[in-house]
N, C-alpha and C. Protein backbone atom coordinates (compact mmCIF):
# COMPACT_ATOMS: atom_id res chain seq x y z
N UNK A 1 1.18 -1.20 0.01
CA UNK A 1 0.38 -0.21 0.18
C UNK A 1 0.20 1.18 0.13
N UNK A 2 0.68 2.16 -0.63
CA UNK A 2 1.70 3.11 -1.25
C UNK A 2 0.95 4.40 0.18
N UNK A 3 -0.66 4.51 0.65
CA UNK A 3 -1.12 5.30 1.20
C UNK A 3 -1.71 4.58 2.60
N UNK A 4 -1.44 4.56 3.72
CA UNK A 4 -1.75 4.32 4.92
C UNK A 4 -2.44 5.38 6.02
N UNK A 5 -3.67 5.09 6.34
CA UNK A 5 -4.59 6.30 6.91
C UNK A 5 -4.36 5.78 8.06
N UNK A 6 -3.82 7.44 9.28
CA UNK A 6 -3.20 6.91 10.05
C UNK A 6 -4.51 6.43 11.63
N UNK A 7 -5.65 6.41 10.90
CA UNK A 7 -6.58 5.71 11.53
C UNK A 7 -6.72 4.49 11.22
N UNK A 8 -5.90 3.47 10.52
CA UNK A 8 -6.24 2.36 9.89
C UNK A 8 -5.77 1.24 10.81
N UNK A 9 -6.12 0.14 11.44
CA UNK A 9 -6.26 -0.62 13.01
C UNK A 9 -4.85 -1.66 12.47
N UNK A 10 -4.05 -1.50 11.63
CA UNK A 10 -3.19 -2.63 10.87
C UNK A 10 -1.96 -1.67 11.08
N UNK A 11 -1.29 -2.39 12.03
CA UNK A 11 0.36 -2.33 12.35
C UNK A 11 0.85 -2.57 10.66
N UNK A 12 2.43 -2.57 10.80
CA UNK A 12 3.36 -2.81 9.72
C UNK A 12 3.42 -3.85 9.82
N UNK A 13 3.04 -5.06 10.61
CA UNK A 13 3.17 -6.37 10.77
C UNK A 13 2.24 -7.30 9.59
N UNK A 14 1.37 -6.53 9.97
CA UNK A 14 0.49 -6.17 9.41
C UNK A 14 0.00 -5.89 7.36
N UNK A 15 0.36 -5.18 7.69
CA UNK A 15 0.24 -4.68 6.08
C UNK A 15 0.69 -5.44 5.31
N UNK A 16 2.23 -5.99 6.00
CA UNK A 16 2.92 -6.62 5.45
C UNK A 16 3.03 -8.19 5.30
N UNK A 17 2.17 -8.43 6.02
CA UNK A 17 1.29 -9.70 5.86
C UNK A 17 0.66 -9.99 4.81
N UNK A 18 -0.12 -8.98 4.53
CA UNK A 18 -1.20 -8.42 3.56
C UNK A 18 -0.86 -8.74 2.21
N UNK A 19 0.47 -7.33 2.05
CA UNK A 19 0.84 -7.62 1.00
C UNK A 19 1.90 -8.62 0.01
N UNK A 20 2.15 -9.36 1.16
CA UNK A 20 3.02 -10.66 0.10
C UNK A 20 2.03 -11.73 -0.75
N UNK A 21 0.85 -10.89 -0.60
CA UNK A 21 -0.62 -12.17 -1.57
C UNK A 21 -1.37 -11.20 -1.88
N UNK A 22 -0.44 -10.46 -2.04
CA UNK A 22 -1.33 -9.56 -3.42
C UNK A 22 -0.53 -9.02 -4.62
N UNK A 23 -1.34 -9.34 -5.76
CA UNK A 23 -0.14 -8.75 -7.24
C UNK A 23 -0.42 -7.85 -7.55
N UNK A 24 0.27 -6.75 -7.63
CA UNK A 24 0.01 -5.26 -8.29
C UNK A 24 -0.50 -5.10 -9.83
N UNK A 25 -1.79 -5.38 -10.53
CA UNK A 25 -1.83 -5.00 -11.80
C UNK A 25 -1.88 -3.55 -12.34
N UNK A 26 -1.60 -3.64 -13.40
CA UNK A 26 -2.38 -2.11 -13.73
C UNK A 26 -3.47 -0.98 -13.62
N UNK A 27 -4.56 -2.40 -13.27
CA UNK A 27 -5.92 -1.73 -12.82
C UNK A 27 -5.70 -2.74 -11.32
N UNK A 28 -6.31 -3.26 -11.07
CA UNK A 28 -6.72 -4.30 -10.57
C UNK A 28 -5.77 -5.26 -9.65
N UNK A 29 -5.33 -5.19 -8.28
CA UNK A 29 -4.32 -5.33 -7.70
C UNK A 29 -4.75 -6.74 -7.10
N UNK A 30 -4.86 -7.93 -7.78
CA UNK A 30 -4.95 -9.57 -7.29
C UNK A 30 -4.85 -9.97 -6.54
N UNK A 31 -5.71 -10.27 -5.72
CA UNK A 31 -5.51 -11.25 -4.01
C UNK A 31 -5.28 -12.82 -4.15
N UNK A 32 -4.14 -13.18 -4.35
CA UNK A 32 -3.79 -14.43 -4.53
C UNK A 32 -3.54 -15.35 -3.72
N UNK A 33 -3.91 -14.87 -2.13
CA UNK A 33 -4.47 -15.61 -0.99
C UNK A 33 -5.88 -17.04 -1.24
N UNK A 34 -5.69 -17.06 0.26
CA UNK A 34 -7.23 -17.82 1.15
C UNK A 34 -8.12 -17.48 0.42
N UNK A 35 -9.34 -17.50 -0.46
CA UNK A 35 -10.31 -17.59 -0.85
C UNK A 35 -11.77 -18.10 -0.10
N UNK A 36 -12.84 -17.68 -0.32
CA UNK A 36 -14.26 -17.98 0.41
C UNK A 36 -15.27 -18.74 -1.04
N UNK A 37 -15.78 -19.22 -0.65
CA UNK A 37 -16.92 -20.00 -1.84
C UNK A 37 -17.85 -19.45 -2.38
N UNK A 38 -17.57 -17.73 -2.03
CA UNK A 38 -18.08 -16.61 -3.07
C UNK A 38 -17.16 -16.46 -3.85
N UNK A 39 -15.60 -16.46 -3.54
CA UNK A 39 -14.93 -15.54 -4.50
C UNK A 39 -14.11 -14.73 -3.86
N UNK A 40 -14.37 -14.28 -2.81
CA UNK A 40 -13.90 -13.15 -1.67
C UNK A 40 -12.60 -13.61 -0.62
N UNK A 41 -11.62 -12.88 -1.26
CA UNK A 41 -9.96 -13.00 -0.68
C UNK A 41 -10.62 -12.61 0.82
N UNK A 42 -9.47 -13.89 1.57
CA UNK A 42 -9.78 -14.01 3.02
C UNK A 42 -8.41 -13.88 3.88
N UNK A 43 -8.19 -13.05 4.84
CA UNK A 43 -6.87 -13.56 5.74
C UNK A 43 -7.32 -13.38 7.08
N UNK A 44 -6.64 -14.23 7.61
CA UNK A 44 -6.70 -14.19 9.11
C UNK A 44 -5.76 -13.32 9.67
N UNK A 45 -6.66 -12.20 10.43
CA UNK A 45 -5.21 -10.92 11.43
C UNK A 45 -6.06 -10.52 12.39
N UNK A 46 -5.25 -10.88 13.02
CA UNK A 46 -5.49 -9.36 14.88
C UNK A 46 -6.97 -10.55 15.32
N UNK A 47 -6.62 -11.79 15.11
CA UNK A 47 -7.85 -13.28 15.94
C UNK A 47 -8.74 -13.45 15.30
N UNK A 48 -9.10 -12.88 13.87
CA UNK A 48 -10.57 -12.57 13.15
C UNK A 48 -9.86 -12.43 11.47
N UNK A 49 -10.86 -13.69 11.25
CA UNK A 49 -11.33 -14.00 9.29
C UNK A 49 -11.29 -12.62 8.56
N UNK A 50 -10.93 -11.98 8.13
CA UNK A 50 -11.70 -10.82 7.24
C UNK A 50 -11.74 -10.71 5.79
N UNK A 51 -12.26 -10.35 5.19
CA UNK A 51 -11.76 -9.86 3.26
C UNK A 51 -11.36 -9.57 3.06
N UNK A 52 -10.00 -9.44 2.29
CA UNK A 52 -8.68 -8.75 2.06
C UNK A 52 -9.45 -7.60 1.48
N UNK A 53 -10.37 -7.65 0.84
CA UNK A 53 -10.47 -6.12 0.19
C UNK A 53 -11.32 -4.99 1.58
N UNK A 54 -11.67 -5.47 2.89
CA UNK A 54 -12.15 -4.53 3.79
C UNK A 54 -10.78 -4.20 4.47
N UNK A 55 -9.92 -5.44 4.68
CA UNK A 55 -8.38 -5.02 5.05
C UNK A 55 -7.66 -3.87 4.11
N UNK A 56 -7.48 -4.02 3.01
CA UNK A 56 -7.18 -3.40 1.92
C UNK A 56 -7.87 -1.76 2.20
N UNK A 57 -8.70 -1.62 2.08
CA UNK A 57 -9.96 -0.47 2.17
C UNK A 57 -9.59 0.22 3.60
N UNK A 58 -9.56 -0.47 4.97
CA UNK A 58 -9.24 -0.11 5.52
C UNK A 58 -7.87 0.73 5.94
N UNK A 59 -7.04 -0.11 5.31
CA UNK A 59 -5.61 0.30 5.40
C UNK A 59 -5.38 1.46 4.44
N UNK A 60 -5.99 1.53 3.80
CA UNK A 60 -6.07 3.51 3.10
C UNK A 60 -7.20 4.03 4.03
N UNK A 61 -8.04 3.81 4.45
CA UNK A 61 -9.26 4.96 4.82
C UNK A 61 -9.49 4.81 6.01
N UNK A 62 -8.51 4.05 6.70
CA UNK A 62 -9.26 3.70 8.15
C UNK A 62 -10.76 3.07 8.39
N UNK A 63 -10.95 3.02 9.54
CA UNK A 63 -12.04 1.71 9.98
C UNK A 63 -13.14 1.89 9.15
N UNK A 64 -14.21 1.09 8.47
CA UNK A 64 -15.27 1.28 7.77
C UNK A 64 -16.46 1.70 8.79
N UNK A 65 -17.38 2.64 8.41
CA UNK A 65 -18.60 2.66 9.45
C UNK A 65 -19.33 1.65 9.95
N UNK A 66 -19.75 1.91 10.91
CA UNK A 66 -20.46 0.72 11.31
C UNK A 66 -21.58 0.57 10.26
N UNK A 67 -22.09 -0.67 10.14
CA UNK A 67 -23.19 -0.69 9.20
C UNK A 67 -22.98 -0.39 7.63
N UNK A 68 -21.87 -0.61 7.36
CA UNK A 68 -21.30 -0.12 5.46
C UNK A 68 -20.81 -1.61 5.27
N UNK A 69 -21.04 -1.84 3.90
CA UNK A 69 -20.02 -3.05 4.15
C UNK A 69 -18.93 -2.20 2.41
N UNK A 70 -17.52 -2.76 2.39
CA UNK A 70 -16.88 -2.70 1.34
C UNK A 70 -17.51 -3.27 -0.42
N UNK A 71 -17.96 -2.44 -1.54
CA UNK A 71 -18.01 -2.69 -2.51
C UNK A 71 -17.16 -2.33 -3.33
N UNK A 72 -17.09 -3.57 -4.47
CA UNK A 72 -16.27 -3.60 -5.39
C UNK A 72 -16.63 -2.56 -6.68
N UNK A 73 -16.30 -1.35 -6.89
CA UNK A 73 -16.85 -0.44 -8.00
C UNK A 73 -16.31 -1.52 -9.40
N UNK A 74 -15.01 -2.38 -9.71
CA UNK A 74 -15.16 -2.92 -10.51
C UNK A 74 -15.57 -4.26 -10.47
N UNK A 75 -16.26 -4.63 -9.60
CA UNK A 75 -17.10 -6.08 -9.43
C UNK A 75 -16.17 -6.92 -9.35
N UNK A 76 -14.58 -7.00 -9.59
CA UNK A 76 -13.93 -7.97 -9.80
C UNK A 76 -13.77 -8.32 -7.86
N UNK A 77 -14.00 -9.74 -7.75
CA UNK A 77 -14.70 -10.35 -6.09
C UNK A 77 -12.58 -10.14 -5.56
N UNK A 78 -11.82 -10.99 -6.38
CA UNK A 78 -10.69 -10.47 -5.88
C UNK A 78 -9.76 -9.26 -6.38
N UNK A 79 -9.83 -7.98 -6.40
CA UNK A 79 -8.86 -6.69 -6.86
C UNK A 79 -9.33 -6.40 -5.35
N UNK A 80 -8.04 -5.61 -4.56
CA UNK A 80 -8.05 -5.42 -3.46
C UNK A 80 -7.24 -4.05 -3.12
N UNK A 81 -7.42 -3.35 -5.21
CA UNK A 81 -6.74 -2.03 -5.04
C UNK A 81 -7.97 -1.00 -4.48
N UNK A 82 -7.47 -0.30 -3.64
CA UNK A 82 -8.39 0.68 -2.98
C UNK A 82 -9.11 1.59 -3.61
N UNK A 83 -8.48 1.92 -4.62
CA UNK A 83 -9.55 2.70 -5.68
C UNK A 83 -10.12 2.15 -6.22
N UNK A 84 -10.68 1.32 -5.86
CA UNK A 84 -11.78 0.00 -6.94
C UNK A 84 -12.81 0.19 -5.86
N UNK A 85 -12.14 0.55 -4.80
CA UNK A 85 -13.34 -0.03 -3.46
C UNK A 85 -13.87 0.82 -2.93
N UNK A 86 -14.93 0.84 -2.16
CA UNK A 86 -15.91 2.18 -1.68
C UNK A 86 -16.79 1.69 -0.43
N UNK A 87 -17.06 2.69 0.62
CA UNK A 87 -17.69 2.46 1.73
C UNK A 87 -19.03 2.34 1.51
N UNK A 88 -20.36 1.42 1.40
CA UNK A 88 -21.49 1.69 1.13
C UNK A 88 -22.27 0.88 2.31
N UNK A 89 -23.68 1.53 2.33
CA UNK A 89 -24.81 0.98 2.93
C UNK A 89 -24.93 -0.50 1.75
N UNK A 90 -25.56 -1.67 2.69
CA UNK A 90 -26.23 -2.70 2.01
C UNK A 90 -26.99 -2.38 0.78
N UNK A 91 -28.25 -1.47 0.91
CA UNK A 91 -28.38 -1.02 -0.71
C UNK A 91 -27.75 -0.53 -1.15
N UNK A 92 -26.57 0.54 -1.04
CA UNK A 92 -26.36 1.11 -2.16
C UNK A 92 -25.39 -0.42 -2.78
N UNK A 93 -24.50 -0.93 -1.96
CA UNK A 93 -23.92 -2.51 -2.61
C UNK A 93 -24.94 -3.37 -3.66
N UNK A 94 -26.00 -3.27 -3.52
CA UNK A 94 -27.47 -4.19 -4.04
C UNK A 94 -27.75 -3.74 -5.52
N UNK A 95 -27.40 -1.98 -5.34
CA UNK A 95 -27.64 -1.10 -6.61
C UNK A 95 -26.40 -1.23 -7.45
N UNK A 96 -25.79 -1.29 -7.21
CA UNK A 96 -24.28 -1.81 -7.99
C UNK A 96 -24.18 -2.87 -8.24
N UNK A 97 -25.10 -3.88 -8.04
CA UNK A 97 -24.36 -5.38 -8.94
C UNK A 97 -24.75 -5.62 -10.15
N UNK A 98 -24.00 -6.85 -11.05
CA UNK A 98 -24.14 -6.84 -12.10
C UNK A 98 -25.07 -8.48 -12.86
N UNK A 99 -25.32 -7.88 -13.47
CA UNK A 99 -25.99 -9.79 -14.32
C UNK A 99 -27.56 -9.97 -13.95
N UNK A 100 -28.03 -10.75 -14.16
CA UNK A 100 -29.23 -10.61 -14.73
C UNK A 100 -29.78 -12.29 -14.51
N UNK A 101 -31.24 -12.54 -13.45
CA UNK A 101 -30.87 -13.88 -13.47
C UNK A 101 -32.35 -14.43 -14.35
N UNK A 102 -32.71 -13.39 -15.07
CA UNK A 102 -33.56 -13.46 -16.00
C UNK A 102 -34.05 -13.79 -16.51
N UNK A 103 -35.05 -14.28 -17.39
CA UNK A 103 -35.43 -15.24 -18.72
C UNK A 103 -34.96 -14.00 -19.74
N UNK A 104 -35.19 -13.19 -20.15
CA UNK A 104 -34.66 -11.71 -21.03
C UNK A 104 -33.16 -11.91 -20.94
N UNK A 105 -32.66 -11.77 -19.81
CA UNK A 105 -31.12 -11.70 -19.89
C UNK A 105 -31.05 -10.25 -19.71
N UNK A 106 -31.77 -9.42 -19.36
CA UNK A 106 -31.88 -8.18 -18.66
C UNK A 106 -32.14 -7.82 -17.40
N UNK A 107 -31.38 -7.03 -16.53
CA UNK A 107 -31.75 -6.85 -15.33
C UNK A 107 -32.99 -6.42 -15.06
N UNK A 108 -33.63 -7.33 -14.39
CA UNK A 108 -34.88 -6.23 -13.93
C UNK A 108 -36.68 -5.79 -15.24
N UNK A 109 -36.30 -7.38 -16.18
CA UNK A 109 -36.82 -7.23 -17.24
C UNK A 109 -37.64 -8.53 -16.96
N UNK A 110 -38.94 -8.58 -17.10
CA UNK A 110 -39.69 -9.89 -16.91
C UNK A 110 -40.76 -9.71 -18.63
N UNK A 111 -41.03 -10.94 -18.74
CA UNK A 111 -42.23 -11.26 -19.99
C UNK A 111 -43.15 -10.96 -18.78
N UNK A 112 -44.42 -10.10 -19.73
CA UNK A 112 -45.63 -10.08 -18.91
C UNK A 112 -46.63 -9.93 -20.35
N UNK A 113 -47.24 -11.42 -20.24
CA UNK A 113 -48.05 -11.47 -21.44
C UNK A 113 -47.14 -11.89 -22.47
N UNK A 114 -47.28 -11.15 -23.57
CA UNK A 114 -46.67 -11.05 -24.98
C UNK A 114 -45.66 -10.13 -24.71
N UNK A 115 -45.87 -9.04 -23.73
CA UNK A 115 -44.98 -8.02 -23.82
C UNK A 115 -43.94 -8.46 -22.76
N UNK A 116 -42.93 -7.07 -22.93
CA UNK A 116 -42.03 -7.24 -21.71
C UNK A 116 -41.80 -5.68 -20.99
N UNK A 117 -41.89 -5.83 -19.67
CA UNK A 117 -42.11 -5.20 -18.99
C UNK A 117 -40.62 -4.75 -17.59
N UNK A 118 -40.27 -3.62 -17.08
CA UNK A 118 -39.31 -3.35 -16.32
C UNK A 118 -39.96 -3.30 -15.02
N UNK A 119 -39.04 -3.90 -13.67
CA UNK A 119 -39.34 -3.90 -12.56
C UNK A 119 -37.92 -3.59 -11.74
N UNK A 120 -38.62 -2.32 -11.12
CA UNK A 120 -37.22 -1.98 -9.91
C UNK A 120 -37.35 -1.82 -8.27
N UNK A 121 -37.00 -2.47 -7.82
CA UNK A 121 -37.37 -2.27 -6.67
C UNK A 121 -36.38 -0.91 -5.82
N UNK A 122 -37.25 -0.52 -5.12
CA UNK A 122 -36.10 0.85 -4.20
C UNK A 122 -37.26 1.19 -3.28
N UNK A 123 -36.83 0.86 -1.61
CA UNK A 123 -36.74 1.23 -0.29
C UNK A 123 -38.18 0.30 -0.23
N UNK A 124 -38.07 -0.78 -0.47
CA UNK A 124 -38.95 -1.90 -0.37
C UNK A 124 -40.36 -1.80 -1.18
N UNK A 125 -40.48 -0.74 -2.21
CA UNK A 125 -41.30 -0.91 -3.23
C UNK A 125 -41.29 -0.87 -4.71
N UNK A 126 -41.98 -1.90 -5.21
CA UNK A 126 -41.74 -2.20 -6.44
C UNK A 126 -41.80 -1.40 -7.36
N UNK A 127 -41.12 -0.62 -8.45
CA UNK A 127 -41.55 0.23 -9.52
C UNK A 127 -41.58 -0.34 -11.02
N UNK A 128 -42.33 0.09 -11.65
CA UNK A 128 -42.90 -0.60 -12.85
C UNK A 128 -42.52 0.15 -14.13
N UNK A 129 -41.75 -0.21 -15.15
CA UNK A 129 -42.04 0.37 -16.72
C UNK A 129 -43.32 0.14 -17.37
N UNK A 130 -43.36 0.88 -18.12
CA UNK A 130 -44.99 0.44 -18.96
C UNK A 130 -44.86 -0.79 -20.11
N UNK A 131 -45.38 -1.77 -20.30
CA UNK A 131 -45.11 -2.62 -21.24
C UNK A 131 -44.74 -2.73 -22.74
N UNK A 132 -43.42 -3.18 -23.00
CA UNK A 132 -42.76 -2.65 -24.20
C UNK A 132 -43.32 -4.16 -25.08
N UNK A 133 -42.48 -4.18 -26.59
CA UNK A 133 -42.91 -4.95 -27.32
C UNK A 133 -41.59 -5.84 -27.51
N UNK A 134 -40.81 -5.54 -27.19
CA UNK A 134 -38.91 -6.06 -27.32
C UNK A 134 -38.39 -6.33 -25.85
N UNK A 135 -37.65 -7.35 -25.36
CA UNK A 135 -37.16 -7.09 -24.78
C UNK A 135 -36.25 -5.59 -24.06
N UNK A 136 -35.70 -5.00 -25.12
CA UNK A 136 -34.29 -4.63 -25.52
C UNK A 136 -35.08 -2.80 -24.89
N UNK A 137 -36.30 -2.51 -25.90
CA UNK A 137 -36.96 -1.92 -25.34
C UNK A 137 -37.30 -1.43 -23.74
N UNK A 138 -37.54 -2.46 -23.00
CA UNK A 138 -38.09 -2.58 -21.73
C UNK A 138 -36.68 -2.38 -21.29
N UNK A 139 -35.61 -2.74 -22.07
CA UNK A 139 -33.98 -2.54 -20.77
C UNK A 139 -33.94 -1.14 -20.59
N UNK A 140 -34.14 -0.52 -22.01
CA UNK A 140 -33.54 0.86 -21.36
C UNK A 140 -34.63 1.77 -20.82
N UNK A 141 -35.52 1.48 -20.37
CA UNK A 141 -36.39 1.89 -19.72
C UNK A 141 -35.93 1.91 -18.64
N UNK A 142 -36.21 0.06 -17.97
CA UNK A 142 -35.10 0.16 -16.62
C UNK A 142 -34.55 0.61 -16.43
N UNK A 143 -33.23 0.64 -17.20
CA UNK A 143 -32.25 1.47 -16.82
C UNK A 143 -32.08 2.91 -16.32
N UNK A 144 -33.05 3.32 -17.17
CA UNK A 144 -33.15 4.99 -16.85
C UNK A 144 -34.13 5.41 -15.40
N UNK A 145 -34.92 4.32 -15.22
CA UNK A 145 -35.78 3.84 -13.68
C UNK A 145 -34.71 3.72 -13.04
N UNK A 146 -33.76 3.01 -12.91
CA UNK A 146 -32.75 2.59 -11.90
C UNK A 146 -31.84 3.85 -11.99
N UNK A 147 -31.35 4.22 -12.84
CA UNK A 147 -30.75 5.75 -12.97
C UNK A 147 -31.56 7.11 -11.77
N UNK A 148 -32.27 7.01 -12.03
CA UNK A 148 -33.41 7.92 -11.61
C UNK A 148 -33.73 7.48 -10.08
N UNK A 149 -33.98 6.33 -9.18
CA UNK A 149 -34.14 6.00 -8.29
C UNK A 149 -32.92 5.98 -7.63
N UNK A 150 -31.72 5.00 -8.12
CA UNK A 150 -30.68 4.28 -7.58
C UNK A 150 -29.39 5.63 -7.19
N UNK A 151 -28.65 5.76 -6.33
CA UNK A 151 -27.12 6.89 -6.29
C UNK A 151 -25.92 5.94 -6.98
N UNK A 152 -25.67 3.93 -6.42
CA UNK A 152 -24.75 3.71 -6.59
C UNK A 152 -24.20 2.58 -7.81
N UNK A 153 -25.83 2.55 -8.69
CA UNK A 153 -24.98 1.78 -10.29
C UNK A 153 -24.54 2.19 -10.82
N UNK A 154 -23.37 2.38 -10.95
CA UNK A 154 -21.84 2.47 -12.15
C UNK A 154 -22.41 2.02 -13.37
N UNK A 155 -22.52 0.59 -13.59
CA UNK A 155 -22.98 0.32 -14.79
C UNK A 155 -24.33 0.75 -16.06
N UNK A 156 -25.00 1.01 -15.15
CA UNK A 156 -25.90 1.75 -15.54
C UNK A 156 -25.58 3.37 -16.27
N UNK A 157 -24.66 4.06 -15.55
CA UNK A 157 -24.41 4.95 -15.46
C UNK A 157 -23.65 4.86 -16.23
N UNK A 158 -22.89 4.06 -17.51
CA UNK A 158 -21.88 4.39 -18.03
C UNK A 158 -22.39 3.97 -19.46
N UNK A 159 -23.98 3.57 -19.27
CA UNK A 159 -24.48 3.09 -20.73
C UNK A 159 -25.25 4.85 -21.47
């Protein structure tokens, strides 16, 4: 790590032990150590098993606020580059998720009869688009709706 936050909970020995498992690339810094079943790097430090990305963020930024998670802006679960990480709430982390398990192939787009409709869940309320003839049209509408309602959906904002 080039920058160590003055309130970082990790001493020099902890940071050195962390860094031996990091391969710094041009963009992402790949974690080479142990991983959990979801593909996140893990390291045992100070008597606890911690996420490698959390350790990296806390070295650079100090303790993570209570109730916050560390989100990978790059969507690479093995990345520990602190510039690719951010502290956010669980809701904000979910806003930034990628991919779809919908049959349409688009996040939040589902078939409704013979037409396609978008749905976004925001603060426990469902927000629907009008029906469209194609899933592509519904995807454009649901992306616009997410951009209106969400604050942390970086992938939608790139479109």
